[in-house]
Amino acid sequence: MASHLTGVMSSSTCSTTATNVFEIGKHITVLLRAEPGTCTTKSSLPVPPPLQLLIATPSEAGEFPLLLLLHGYLLYNSFYSQLIQHIASHGFIVLAPQLYTVAGPDSSEEIKSAAALTNWLSKGLHDLLPPHVRPNLSKLGLAGHSRGGKTAFALALRKASTSLKFSALIGIDPVDGMDKGKQTPPPVLTYVPHSFDLDMAVMVIGSGLGEVKRNPLFPPCAPKGVNHEDFFKECREPACYFLAKDYGHLDMLDDETNGIRGKATHCLCKNGKSREPMRRFVGGIVIAFMKAYLEGDNSSLISIRDGHATAPVELQNVEFLV
């Protein structure tokens, strides 16, 4: 594992012993679904969500931080059910909206939809959660995979206004188009180092096989010039970057993804041998990052950075800007 550390995240600031974030946590979780109200379908909720939602949450009483996870291009939020339950088992409420079912190259509407959902959280989320489960809206993280990663960065860069403040941003193999010069609107990458004006900690996760073509007929799913490497180059401190060597762009999805789109996830991108290791890694590193920057416990993140915690994947590169 090559590790290039700019600045040092001091081990002396560890507050607790690192837990194994790559395994399922101590909380029993439930998976909830909610539909938006429409002009033809009346919702039973007092304030229905603006989008169809999949929610993974601890089932026992308590107050928990939130993570909003935005899906990749033409994917269903249900494809992330194993990932979000893993994260929720460590004491987080994870919301995965269905931003669209059909979309063109322009992601402007997705950004607006994600902002609308964020603005709804304080009005209607509590009605969806189990009794005595309380969302801590002051500890709010934002994550996105693939095109959803671009959307998450765009929202964090204030391309749409929100009533709540995000405290942590995570790009899971984010992609901003087909190639440098072929970004999809609105472009997020500027190709100016450290140009992202983000008032929050940032983590970028990359897949080593994302920039590799599955076959000559299809472009790579995370092309060089618009992928994780370029996103991290524009981040300012505090930021961290993890590149998983032998895994692909969709390897953090559920083992079984049904339907035509689900089957396509197995054949459009260059994949690793199985999804389980990459999904465990993504879930674990997200948990460690959220614990560090939303809960003030950086023990797991430091342990992973320093190689003391064994990751389920081989890391090709690790960088920290602190």
C-alpha atoms as a PDB file:
ATOM      1  CA  MET A   1       0.000   0.000   0.000  1.00  0.00           C
ATOM      2  CA  ALA A   2       1.471   3.317  -1.045  1.00  0.00           C
ATOM      3  CA  SER A   3       0.682   5.985   1.497  1.00  0.00           C
ATOM      4  CA  HIS A   4       1.371   9.662   0.845  1.00  0.00           C
ATOM      5  CA  LEU A   5       0.455  11.727   3.896  1.00  0.00           C
ATOM      6  CA  THR A   6       0.315  15.493   3.628  1.00  0.00           C
ATOM      7  CA  GLY A   7       0.143  16.580   7.229  1.00  0.00           C
ATOM      8  CA  VAL A   8      -0.467  14.180  10.077  1.00  0.00           C
ATOM      9  CA  MET A   9      -3.665  13.108  11.797  1.00  0.00           C
ATOM     10  CA  SER A  10      -2.201  12.587  15.236  1.00  0.00           C
ATOM     11  CA  SER A  11      -2.724   9.216  16.885  1.00  0.00           C
ATOM     12  CA  SER A  12      -2.638  10.932  20.258  1.00  0.00           C
ATOM     13  CA  THR A  13      -6.110  12.326  19.596  1.00  0.00           C
ATOM     14  CA  CYS A  14      -7.700   8.850  19.615  1.00  0.00           C
ATOM     15  CA  SER A  15     -10.525   8.895  22.117  1.00  0.00           C
ATOM     16  CA  THR A  16     -11.467   5.205  22.176  1.00  0.00           C
ATOM     17  CA  THR A  17     -10.207   1.847  20.997  1.00  0.00           C
ATOM     18  CA  ALA A  18     -10.983   1.356  17.317  1.00  0.00           C
ATOM     19  CA  THR A  19     -13.937  -0.928  16.613  1.00  0.00           C
ATOM     20  CA  ASN A  20     -13.983  -3.242  13.610  1.00  0.00           C
ATOM     21  CA  VAL A  21     -15.909  -1.035  11.225  1.00  0.00           C
ATOM     22  CA  PHE A  22     -15.592  -3.596   8.418  1.00  0.00           C
ATOM     23  CA  GLU A  23     -17.890  -5.997  10.270  1.00  0.00           C
ATOM     24  CA  ILE A  24     -21.588  -5.592  11.080  1.00  0.00           C
ATOM     25  CA  GLY A  25     -22.015  -3.371  14.134  1.00  0.00           C
ATOM     26  CA  LYS A  26     -23.860  -3.851  17.420  1.00  0.00           C
ATOM     27  CA  HIS A  27     -27.137  -2.200  16.407  1.00  0.00           C
ATOM     28  CA  ILE A  28     -30.070  -4.209  15.089  1.00  0.00           C
ATOM     29  CA  THR A  29     -31.289  -2.430  11.959  1.00  0.00           C
ATOM     30  CA  VAL A  30     -34.528  -2.154  10.031  1.00  0.00           C
ATOM     31  CA  LEU A  31     -34.964  -1.299   6.368  1.00  0.00           C
ATOM     32  CA  LEU A  32     -37.855   1.088   5.689  1.00  0.00           C
ATOM     33  CA  ARG A  33     -39.427   2.344   2.467  1.00  0.00           C
ATOM     34  CA  ALA A  34     -41.473   5.491   1.939  1.00  0.00           C
ATOM     35  CA  GLU A  35     -43.264   6.823  -1.116  1.00  0.00           C
ATOM     36  CA  PRO A  36     -43.837  10.480  -1.987  1.00  0.00           C
ATOM     37  CA  GLY A  37     -47.327  11.873  -2.119  1.00  0.00           C
ATOM     38  CA  THR A  38     -48.597  12.652  -5.629  1.00  0.00           C
ATOM     39  CA  CYS A  39     -51.653  14.262  -7.137  1.00  0.00           C
ATOM     40  CA  THR A  40     -53.148  10.776  -7.656  1.00  0.00           C
ATOM     41  CA  THR A  41     -51.811   9.008  -4.552  1.00  0.00           C
ATOM     42  CA  LYS A  42     -52.428  10.427  -1.099  1.00  0.00           C
ATOM     43  CA  SER A  43     -49.734   9.639   1.451  1.00  0.00           C
ATOM     44  CA  SER A  44     -50.601   8.586   4.997  1.00  0.00           C
ATOM     45  CA  LEU A  45     -47.669  10.629   6.270  1.00  0.00           C
ATOM     46  CA  PRO A  46     -48.277  14.164   7.583  1.00  0.00           C
ATOM     47  CA  VAL A  47     -45.397  15.477   5.460  1.00  0.00           C
ATOM     48  CA  PRO A  48     -44.453  12.881   2.831  1.00  0.00           C
ATOM     49  CA  PRO A  49     -40.936  12.908   1.363  1.00  0.00           C
ATOM     50  CA  PRO A  50     -40.414  14.553  -2.042  1.00  0.00           C
ATOM     51  CA  LEU A  51     -38.768  11.356  -3.347  1.00  0.00           C
ATOM     52  CA  GLN A  52     -39.119   7.609  -2.898  1.00  0.00           C
ATOM     53  CA  LEU A  53     -36.882   6.662   0.030  1.00  0.00           C
ATOM     54  CA  LEU A  54     -35.038   3.625   1.317  1.00  0.00           C
ATOM     55  CA  ILE A  55     -33.955   4.070   4.956  1.00  0.00           C
ATOM     56  CA  ALA A  56     -31.668   1.881   7.056  1.00  0.00           C
ATOM     57  CA  THR A  57     -31.798   2.753  10.737  1.00  0.00           C
ATOM     58  CA  PRO A  58     -31.037   1.299  14.155  1.00  0.00           C
ATOM     59  CA  SER A  59     -34.245  -0.088  15.625  1.00  0.00           C
ATOM     60  CA  GLU A  60     -33.557   0.657  19.289  1.00  0.00           C
ATOM     61  CA  ALA A  61     -34.115   3.965  21.025  1.00  0.00           C
ATOM     62  CA  GLY A  62     -31.477   6.652  20.659  1.00  0.00           C
ATOM     63  CA  GLU A  63     -30.342   9.727  18.773  1.00  0.00           C
ATOM     64  CA  PHE A  64     -28.226   9.005  15.704  1.00  0.00           C
ATOM     65  CA  PRO A  65     -26.314  10.997  13.054  1.00  0.00           C
ATOM     66  CA  LEU A  66     -27.601  10.957   9.486  1.00  0.00           C
ATOM     67  CA  LEU A  67     -26.069  10.064   6.128  1.00  0.00           C
ATOM     68  CA  LEU A  68     -27.713  10.908   2.821  1.00  0.00           C
ATOM     69  CA  LEU A  69     -26.518   8.505   0.083  1.00  0.00           C
ATOM     70  CA  LEU A  70     -27.146   9.358  -3.600  1.00  0.00           C
ATOM     71  CA  HIS A  71     -27.211   6.481  -6.089  1.00  0.00           C
ATOM     72  CA  GLY A  72     -25.241   6.109  -9.303  1.00  0.00           C
ATOM     73  CA  TYR A  73     -26.401   6.676 -12.881  1.00  0.00           C
ATOM     74  CA  LEU A  74     -29.557   4.713 -13.780  1.00  0.00           C
ATOM     75  CA  LEU A  75     -29.237   2.583 -10.652  1.00  0.00           C
ATOM     76  CA  TYR A  76     -31.915   1.854  -8.070  1.00  0.00           C
ATOM     77  CA  ASN A  77     -31.529   2.794  -4.432  1.00  0.00           C
ATOM     78  CA  SER A  78     -32.457  -0.794  -3.539  1.00  0.00           C
ATOM     79  CA  PHE A  79     -29.111  -1.923  -5.008  1.00  0.00           C
ATOM     80  CA  TYR A  80     -27.416  -0.356  -1.940  1.00  0.00           C
ATOM     81  CA  SER A  81     -29.497  -2.105   0.744  1.00  0.00           C
ATOM     82  CA  GLN A  82     -26.653  -4.257   2.110  1.00  0.00           C
ATOM     83  CA  LEU A  83     -24.271  -1.294   2.202  1.00  0.00           C
ATOM     84  CA  ILE A  84     -26.633   1.044   4.022  1.00  0.00           C
ATOM     85  CA  GLN A  85     -27.616  -1.619   6.573  1.00  0.00           C
ATOM     86  CA  HIS A  86     -23.926  -2.185   7.335  1.00  0.00           C
ATOM     87  CA  ILE A  87     -23.456   1.543   7.978  1.00  0.00           C
ATOM     88  CA  ALA A  88     -26.666   1.763  10.044  1.00  0.00           C
ATOM     89  CA  SER A  89     -25.543  -1.126  12.265  1.00  0.00           C
ATOM     90  CA  HIS A  90     -22.795   1.155  13.622  1.00  0.00           C
ATOM     91  CA  GLY A  91     -25.265   3.782  14.810  1.00  0.00           C
ATOM     92  CA  PHE A  92     -26.254   5.886  11.797  1.00  0.00           C
ATOM     93  CA  ILE A  93     -29.519   6.609  10.026  1.00  0.00           C
ATOM     94  CA  VAL A  94     -28.898   6.234   6.279  1.00  0.00           C
ATOM     95  CA  LEU A  95     -31.300   7.623   3.693  1.00  0.00           C
ATOM     96  CA  ALA A  96     -31.029   6.511   0.058  1.00  0.00           C
ATOM     97  CA  PRO A  97     -33.466   8.424  -2.182  1.00  0.00           C
ATOM     98  CA  GLN A  98     -34.462   7.394  -5.698  1.00  0.00           C
ATOM     99  CA  LEU A  99     -33.499  10.588  -7.504  1.00  0.00           C
ATOM    100  CA  TYR A 100     -34.934   9.482 -10.863  1.00  0.00           C
ATOM    101  CA  THR A 101     -35.695   6.380 -12.921  1.00  0.00           C
ATOM    102  CA  VAL A 102     -34.818   7.866 -16.323  1.00  0.00           C
ATOM    103  CA  ALA A 103     -32.281  10.655 -16.836  1.00  0.00           C
ATOM    104  CA  GLY A 104     -30.239  12.318 -19.556  1.00  0.00           C
ATOM    105  CA  PRO A 105     -26.748  13.769 -19.258  1.00  0.00           C
ATOM    106  CA  ASP A 106     -27.771  16.883 -17.300  1.00  0.00           C
ATOM    107  CA  SER A 107     -27.814  16.306 -13.526  1.00  0.00           C
ATOM    108  CA  SER A 108     -29.311  19.687 -12.568  1.00  0.00           C
ATOM    109  CA  GLU A 109     -32.655  18.173 -11.567  1.00  0.00           C
ATOM    110  CA  GLU A 110     -30.934  15.574  -9.378  1.00  0.00           C
ATOM    111  CA  ILE A 111     -29.137  18.333  -7.511  1.00  0.00           C
ATOM    112  CA  LYS A 112     -32.425  20.168  -6.958  1.00  0.00           C
ATOM    113  CA  SER A 113     -34.131  16.933  -5.840  1.00  0.00           C
ATOM    114  CA  ALA A 114     -31.362  16.169  -3.354  1.00  0.00           C
ATOM    115  CA  ALA A 115     -31.666  19.703  -1.969  1.00  0.00           C
ATOM    116  CA  ALA A 116     -35.456  19.326  -1.651  1.00  0.00           C
ATOM    117  CA  LEU A 117     -35.000  16.086   0.276  1.00  0.00           C
ATOM    118  CA  THR A 118     -32.453  17.723   2.578  1.00  0.00           C
ATOM    119  CA  ASN A 119     -34.911  20.548   3.274  1.00  0.00           C
ATOM    120  CA  TRP A 120     -37.644  17.984   4.048  1.00  0.00           C
ATOM    121  CA  LEU A 121     -35.622  16.160   6.720  1.00  0.00           C
ATOM    122  CA  SER A 122     -36.517  18.520   9.579  1.00  0.00           C
ATOM    123  CA  LYS A 123     -40.208  18.447   8.603  1.00  0.00           C
ATOM    124  CA  GLY A 124     -41.007  14.814   7.961  1.00  0.00           C
ATOM    125  CA  LEU A 125     -38.228  12.333   8.725  1.00  0.00           C
ATOM    126  CA  HIS A 126     -39.233  11.726  12.355  1.00  0.00           C
ATOM    127  CA  ASP A 127     -42.622  10.373  11.198  1.00  0.00           C
ATOM    128  CA  LEU A 128     -40.900   7.595   9.232  1.00  0.00           C
ATOM    129  CA  LEU A 129     -38.545   6.313  11.915  1.00  0.00           C
ATOM    130  CA  PRO A 130     -39.210   3.669  14.596  1.00  0.00           C
ATOM    131  CA  PRO A 131     -40.527   4.929  17.952  1.00  0.00           C
ATOM    132  CA  HIS A 132     -37.867   6.591  20.090  1.00  0.00           C
ATOM    133  CA  VAL A 133     -35.345   6.746  17.204  1.00  0.00           C
ATOM    134  CA  ARG A 134     -34.344  10.385  16.822  1.00  0.00           C
ATOM    135  CA  PRO A 135     -32.313  11.883  13.954  1.00  0.00           C
ATOM    136  CA  ASN A 136     -29.546  14.297  14.977  1.00  0.00           C
ATOM    137  CA  LEU A 137     -29.867  16.850  12.189  1.00  0.00           C
ATOM    138  CA  SER A 138     -26.806  18.738  13.428  1.00  0.00           C
ATOM    139  CA  LYS A 139     -24.670  15.715  12.467  1.00  0.00           C
ATOM    140  CA  LEU A 140     -25.440  15.290   8.784  1.00  0.00           C
ATOM    141  CA  GLY A 141     -23.227  13.601   6.211  1.00  0.00           C
ATOM    142  CA  LEU A 142     -23.611  13.583   2.416  1.00  0.00           C
ATOM    143  CA  ALA A 143     -22.380  10.779   0.157  1.00  0.00           C
ATOM    144  CA  GLY A 144     -22.825   9.789  -3.457  1.00  0.00           C
ATOM    145  CA  HIS A 145     -21.710   6.999  -5.769  1.00  0.00           C
ATOM    146  CA  SER A 146     -20.654   7.525  -9.397  1.00  0.00           C
ATOM    147  CA  ARG A 147     -22.858  10.267 -10.871  1.00  0.00           C
ATOM    148  CA  GLY A 148     -24.431  10.510  -7.425  1.00  0.00           C
ATOM    149  CA  GLY A 149     -20.953  11.435  -6.187  1.00  0.00           C
ATOM    150  CA  LYS A 150     -20.876  14.329  -8.639  1.00  0.00           C
ATOM    151  CA  THR A 151     -24.358  15.336  -7.424  1.00  0.00           C
ATOM    152  CA  ALA A 152     -23.209  15.202  -3.797  1.00  0.00           C
ATOM    153  CA  PHE A 153     -20.212  17.437  -4.537  1.00  0.00           C
ATOM    154  CA  ALA A 154     -22.453  19.837  -6.481  1.00  0.00           C
ATOM    155  CA  LEU A 155     -24.862  20.082  -3.551  1.00  0.00           C
ATOM    156  CA  ALA A 156     -21.983  20.601  -1.105  1.00  0.00           C
ATOM    157  CA  LEU A 157     -20.637  23.323  -3.423  1.00  0.00           C
ATOM    158  CA  ARG A 158     -23.990  25.105  -3.044  1.00  0.00           C
ATOM    159  CA  LYS A 159     -25.275  24.627  -6.582  1.00  0.00           C
ATOM    160  CA  ALA A 160     -28.661  24.348  -4.823  1.00  0.00           C
ATOM    161  CA  SER A 161     -29.569  25.825  -1.450  1.00  0.00           C
ATOM    162  CA  THR A 162     -30.373  23.744   1.632  1.00  0.00           C
ATOM    163  CA  SER A 163     -31.745  24.662   5.038  1.00  0.00           C
ATOM    164  CA  LEU A 164     -29.450  22.196   6.824  1.00  0.00           C
ATOM    165  CA  LYS A 165     -25.652  22.183   6.959  1.00  0.00           C
ATOM    166  CA  PHE A 166     -23.611  19.147   5.954  1.00  0.00           C
ATOM    167  CA  SER A 167     -20.581  18.342   8.098  1.00  0.00           C
ATOM    168  CA  ALA A 168     -18.976  15.582   6.018  1.00  0.00           C
ATOM    169  CA  LEU A 169     -18.843  14.777   2.287  1.00  0.00           C
ATOM    170  CA  ILE A 170     -18.033  11.382   0.747  1.00  0.00           C
ATOM    171  CA  GLY A 171     -17.488  10.625  -2.935  1.00  0.00           C
ATOM    172  CA  ILE A 172     -17.727   6.885  -3.655  1.00  0.00           C
ATOM    173  CA  ASP A 173     -15.955   6.505  -7.002  1.00  0.00           C
ATOM    174  CA  PRO A 174     -17.419   9.850  -8.198  1.00  0.00           C
ATOM    175  CA  VAL A 175     -17.638  10.546 -11.940  1.00  0.00           C
ATOM    176  CA  ASP A 176     -18.131  13.896 -13.718  1.00  0.00           C
ATOM    177  CA  GLY A 177     -18.792  12.772 -17.288  1.00  0.00           C
ATOM    178  CA  MET A 178     -17.147  10.746 -20.052  1.00  0.00           C
ATOM    179  CA  ASP A 179     -13.698  12.362 -20.177  1.00  0.00           C
ATOM    180  CA  LYS A 180     -11.873  15.618 -19.538  1.00  0.00           C
ATOM    181  CA  GLY A 181     -13.624  18.123 -21.795  1.00  0.00           C
ATOM    182  CA  LYS A 182     -16.693  15.870 -21.891  1.00  0.00           C
ATOM    183  CA  GLN A 183     -18.152  16.627 -18.505  1.00  0.00           C
ATOM    184  CA  THR A 184     -21.889  16.363 -18.047  1.00  0.00           C
ATOM    185  CA  PRO A 185     -23.723  19.563 -17.063  1.00  0.00           C
ATOM    186  CA  PRO A 186     -23.386  21.205 -14.690  1.00  0.00           C
ATOM    187  CA  PRO A 187     -19.634  20.510 -14.489  1.00  0.00           C
ATOM    188  CA  VAL A 188     -18.165  20.119 -11.010  1.00  0.00           C
ATOM    189  CA  LEU A 189     -14.459  19.605 -11.701  1.00  0.00           C
ATOM    190  CA  THR A 190     -12.485  22.761 -12.530  1.00  0.00           C
ATOM    191  CA  TYR A 191      -9.007  21.146 -12.902  1.00  0.00           C
ATOM    192  CA  VAL A 192      -7.619  23.752 -10.519  1.00  0.00           C
ATOM    193  CA  PRO A 193      -5.867  22.022  -7.578  1.00  0.00           C
ATOM    194  CA  HIS A 194      -7.559  22.485  -4.181  1.00  0.00           C
ATOM    195  CA  SER A 195     -10.244  24.685  -5.725  1.00  0.00           C
ATOM    196  CA  PHE A 196     -13.269  23.101  -4.014  1.00  0.00           C
ATOM    197  CA  ASP A 197     -14.660  25.642  -1.540  1.00  0.00           C
ATOM    198  CA  LEU A 198     -16.136  23.156   0.908  1.00  0.00           C
ATOM    199  CA  ASP A 199     -16.688  24.016   4.550  1.00  0.00           C
ATOM    200  CA  MET A 200     -16.522  20.370   5.645  1.00  0.00           C
ATOM    201  CA  ALA A 201     -14.288  17.299   5.764  1.00  0.00           C
ATOM    202  CA  VAL A 202     -14.130  15.286   2.531  1.00  0.00           C
ATOM    203  CA  MET A 203     -13.337  11.670   1.707  1.00  0.00           C
ATOM    204  CA  VAL A 204     -12.927  10.243  -1.802  1.00  0.00           C
ATOM    205  CA  ILE A 205     -12.994   6.484  -2.424  1.00  0.00           C
ATOM    206  CA  GLY A 206     -11.716   5.153  -5.751  1.00  0.00           C
ATOM    207  CA  SER A 207     -11.855   1.795  -7.512  1.00  0.00           C
ATOM    208  CA  GLY A 208      -8.702   0.583  -9.238  1.00  0.00           C
ATOM    209  CA  LEU A 209     -10.640  -1.147 -12.024  1.00  0.00           C
ATOM    210  CA  GLY A 210     -13.081   1.715 -12.611  1.00  0.00           C
ATOM    211  CA  GLU A 211     -10.938   3.247 -15.354  1.00  0.00           C
ATOM    212  CA  VAL A 212     -10.492  -0.111 -17.133  1.00  0.00           C
ATOM    213  CA  LYS A 213     -12.816  -1.073 -20.017  1.00  0.00           C
ATOM    214  CA  ARG A 214     -14.873  -4.236 -19.526  1.00  0.00           C
ATOM    215  CA  ASN A 215     -14.849  -4.760 -23.297  1.00  0.00           C
ATOM    216  CA  PRO A 216     -14.124  -2.689 -26.428  1.00  0.00           C
ATOM    217  CA  LEU A 217     -17.820  -1.856 -26.933  1.00  0.00           C
ATOM    218  CA  PHE A 218     -18.254   0.125 -23.727  1.00  0.00           C
ATOM    219  CA  PRO A 219     -16.237   2.967 -22.201  1.00  0.00           C
ATOM    220  CA  PRO A 220     -14.824   2.525 -18.689  1.00  0.00           C
ATOM    221  CA  CYS A 221     -17.335   3.267 -15.954  1.00  0.00           C
ATOM    222  CA  ALA A 222     -15.041   5.739 -14.125  1.00  0.00           C
ATOM    223  CA  PRO A 223     -12.811   7.224 -16.869  1.00  0.00           C
ATOM    224  CA  LYS A 224      -9.519   8.936 -16.136  1.00  0.00           C
ATOM    225  CA  GLY A 225      -9.852  12.702 -16.279  1.00  0.00           C
ATOM    226  CA  VAL A 226     -13.255  12.786 -14.560  1.00  0.00           C
ATOM    227  CA  ASN A 227     -12.903  10.260 -11.745  1.00  0.00           C
ATOM    228  CA  HIS A 228     -11.895   9.877  -8.092  1.00  0.00           C
ATOM    229  CA  GLU A 229      -8.319  11.042  -8.686  1.00  0.00           C
ATOM    230  CA  ASP A 230      -9.470  14.343 -10.177  1.00  0.00           C
ATOM    231  CA  PHE A 231     -12.027  14.941  -7.415  1.00  0.00           C
ATOM    232  CA  PHE A 232      -9.436  14.446  -4.692  1.00  0.00           C
ATOM    233  CA  LYS A 233      -6.943  16.775  -6.395  1.00  0.00           C
ATOM    234  CA  GLU A 234      -9.448  19.612  -6.011  1.00  0.00           C
ATOM    235  CA  CYS A 235     -10.141  18.955  -2.315  1.00  0.00           C
ATOM    236  CA  ARG A 236      -8.732  21.079   0.482  1.00  0.00           C
ATOM    237  CA  GLU A 237      -7.862  19.894   3.948  1.00  0.00           C
ATOM    238  CA  PRO A 238      -9.210  18.106   5.846  1.00  0.00           C
ATOM    239  CA  ALA A 239      -9.549  15.399   3.195  1.00  0.00           C
ATOM    240  CA  CYS A 240      -8.606  11.773   2.694  1.00  0.00           C
ATOM    241  CA  TYR A 241      -8.397   9.401  -0.255  1.00  0.00           C
ATOM    242  CA  PHE A 242      -8.537   5.614  -0.445  1.00  0.00           C
ATOM    243  CA  LEU A 243      -7.997   3.670  -3.689  1.00  0.00           C
ATOM    244  CA  ALA A 244      -8.995  -0.019  -3.680  1.00  0.00           C
ATOM    245  CA  LYS A 245      -6.737  -1.891  -6.072  1.00  0.00           C
ATOM    246  CA  ASP A 246      -8.550  -4.867  -7.620  1.00  0.00           C
ATOM    247  CA  TYR A 247     -12.186  -3.821  -7.456  1.00  0.00           C
ATOM    248  CA  GLY A 248     -14.548  -2.136  -9.855  1.00  0.00           C
ATOM    249  CA  HIS A 249     -16.931   0.776 -10.041  1.00  0.00           C
ATOM    250  CA  LEU A 250     -20.035  -1.216  -8.993  1.00  0.00           C
ATOM    251  CA  ASP A 251     -18.499  -3.654  -6.547  1.00  0.00           C
ATOM    252  CA  MET A 252     -20.067  -1.973  -3.502  1.00  0.00           C
ATOM    253  CA  LEU A 253     -23.599  -2.849  -4.639  1.00  0.00           C
ATOM    254  CA  ASP A 254     -25.696  -5.744  -3.293  1.00  0.00           C
ATOM    255  CA  ASP A 255     -24.634  -9.264  -4.223  1.00  0.00           C
ATOM    256  CA  GLU A 256     -27.950  -9.731  -6.029  1.00  0.00           C
ATOM    257  CA  THR A 257     -29.275  -6.819  -8.101  1.00  0.00           C
ATOM    258  CA  ASN A 258     -32.464  -7.802  -9.883  1.00  0.00           C
ATOM    259  CA  GLY A 259     -34.080  -6.763 -13.147  1.00  0.00           C
ATOM    260  CA  ILE A 260     -32.486  -5.650 -16.380  1.00  0.00           C
ATOM    261  CA  ARG A 261     -30.579  -2.828 -14.700  1.00  0.00           C
ATOM    262  CA  GLY A 262     -29.473  -5.147 -11.944  1.00  0.00           C
ATOM    263  CA  LYS A 263     -28.112  -7.682 -14.408  1.00  0.00           C
ATOM    264  CA  ALA A 264     -26.376  -4.886 -16.332  1.00  0.00           C
ATOM    265  CA  THR A 265     -24.365  -3.965 -13.236  1.00  0.00           C
ATOM    266  CA  HIS A 266     -22.534  -7.276 -13.604  1.00  0.00           C
ATOM    267  CA  CYS A 267     -21.575  -6.835 -17.256  1.00  0.00           C
ATOM    268  CA  LEU A 268     -21.058  -3.124 -18.069  1.00  0.00           C
ATOM    269  CA  CYS A 269     -18.093  -2.415 -15.769  1.00  0.00           C
ATOM    270  CA  LYS A 270     -14.832  -4.194 -15.066  1.00  0.00           C
ATOM    271  CA  ASN A 271     -15.491  -5.949 -11.752  1.00  0.00           C
ATOM    272  CA  GLY A 272     -13.500  -7.627  -9.015  1.00  0.00           C
ATOM    273  CA  LYS A 273     -13.889 -11.298  -8.131  1.00  0.00           C
ATOM    274  CA  SER A 274     -16.790 -10.619  -5.764  1.00  0.00           C
ATOM    275  CA  ARG A 275     -18.670  -7.648  -4.326  1.00  0.00           C
ATOM    276  CA  GLU A 276     -18.570  -8.535  -0.656  1.00  0.00           C
ATOM    277  CA  PRO A 277     -14.993  -7.337   0.117  1.00  0.00           C
ATOM    278  CA  MET A 278     -15.400  -3.959  -1.616  1.00  0.00           C
ATOM    279  CA  ARG A 279     -18.823  -3.412  -0.065  1.00  0.00           C
ATOM    280  CA  ARG A 280     -17.416  -4.174   3.399  1.00  0.00           C
ATOM    281  CA  PHE A 281     -14.529  -1.798   2.744  1.00  0.00           C
ATOM    282  CA  VAL A 282     -16.743   1.047   1.539  1.00  0.00           C
ATOM    283  CA  GLY A 283     -19.143   0.556   4.449  1.00  0.00           C
ATOM    284  CA  GLY A 284     -16.308   0.417   6.958  1.00  0.00           C
ATOM    285  CA  ILE A 285     -14.366   3.412   5.696  1.00  0.00           C
ATOM    286  CA  VAL A 286     -17.578   5.473   5.535  1.00  0.00           C
ATOM    287  CA  ILE A 287     -18.309   4.520   9.157  1.00  0.00           C
ATOM    288  CA  ALA A 288     -14.755   5.409  10.242  1.00  0.00           C
ATOM    289  CA  PHE A 289     -14.909   8.763   8.459  1.00  0.00           C
ATOM    290  CA  MET A 290     -18.332   9.621   9.882  1.00  0.00           C
ATOM    291  CA  LYS A 291     -17.219   8.671  13.387  1.00  0.00           C
ATOM    292  CA  ALA A 292     -14.163  10.909  13.010  1.00  0.00           C
ATOM    293  CA  TYR A 293     -15.874  14.008  11.663  1.00  0.00           C
ATOM    294  CA  LEU A 294     -19.407  13.750  13.079  1.00  0.00           C
ATOM    295  CA  GLU A 295     -18.691  12.130  16.447  1.00  0.00           C
ATOM    296  CA  GLY A 296     -15.126  13.194  17.227  1.00  0.00           C
ATOM    297  CA  ASP A 297     -13.762   9.615  17.399  1.00  0.00           C
ATOM    298  CA  ASN A 298     -10.969   9.235  14.839  1.00  0.00           C
ATOM    299  CA  SER A 299      -9.543   5.976  16.241  1.00  0.00           C
ATOM    300  CA  SER A 300     -10.885   3.742  13.453  1.00  0.00           C
ATOM    301  CA  LEU A 301      -9.850   6.122  10.659  1.00  0.00           C
ATOM    302  CA  ILE A 302      -6.312   6.420  12.049  1.00  0.00           C
ATOM    303  CA  SER A 303      -6.080   2.661  12.527  1.00  0.00           C
ATOM    304  CA  ILE A 304      -7.008   2.085   8.885  1.00  0.00           C
ATOM    305  CA  ARG A 305      -4.678   4.816   7.672  1.00  0.00           C
ATOM    306  CA  ASP A 306      -1.740   3.409   9.607  1.00  0.00           C
ATOM    307  CA  GLY A 307      -2.415  -0.181   8.550  1.00  0.00           C
ATOM    308  CA  HIS A 308      -3.287  -1.402  12.059  1.00  0.00           C
ATOM    309  CA  ALA A 309      -6.816  -2.358  10.980  1.00  0.00           C
ATOM    310  CA  THR A 310      -6.876  -4.979   8.238  1.00  0.00           C
ATOM    311  CA  ALA A 311      -9.005  -3.780   5.341  1.00  0.00           C
ATOM    312  CA  PRO A 312     -10.922  -6.424   3.335  1.00  0.00           C
ATOM    313  CA  VAL A 313      -9.323  -5.078   0.120  1.00  0.00           C
ATOM    314  CA  GLU A 314      -5.767  -4.209  -0.883  1.00  0.00           C
ATOM    315  CA  LEU A 315      -5.287  -0.460  -0.898  1.00  0.00           C
ATOM    316  CA  GLN A 316      -3.336   0.885  -3.846  1.00  0.00           C
ATOM    317  CA  ASN A 317      -3.075   4.407  -2.457  1.00  0.00           C
ATOM    318  CA  VAL A 318      -3.913   6.307   0.723  1.00  0.00           C
ATOM    319  CA  GLU A 319      -3.553  10.074   1.058  1.00  0.00           C
ATOM    320  CA  PHE A 320      -4.490  12.505   3.797  1.00  0.00           C
ATOM    321  CA  LEU A 321      -4.633  16.290   3.715  1.00  0.00           C
ATOM    322  CA  VAL A 322      -4.807  17.449   7.315  1.00  0.00           C
END
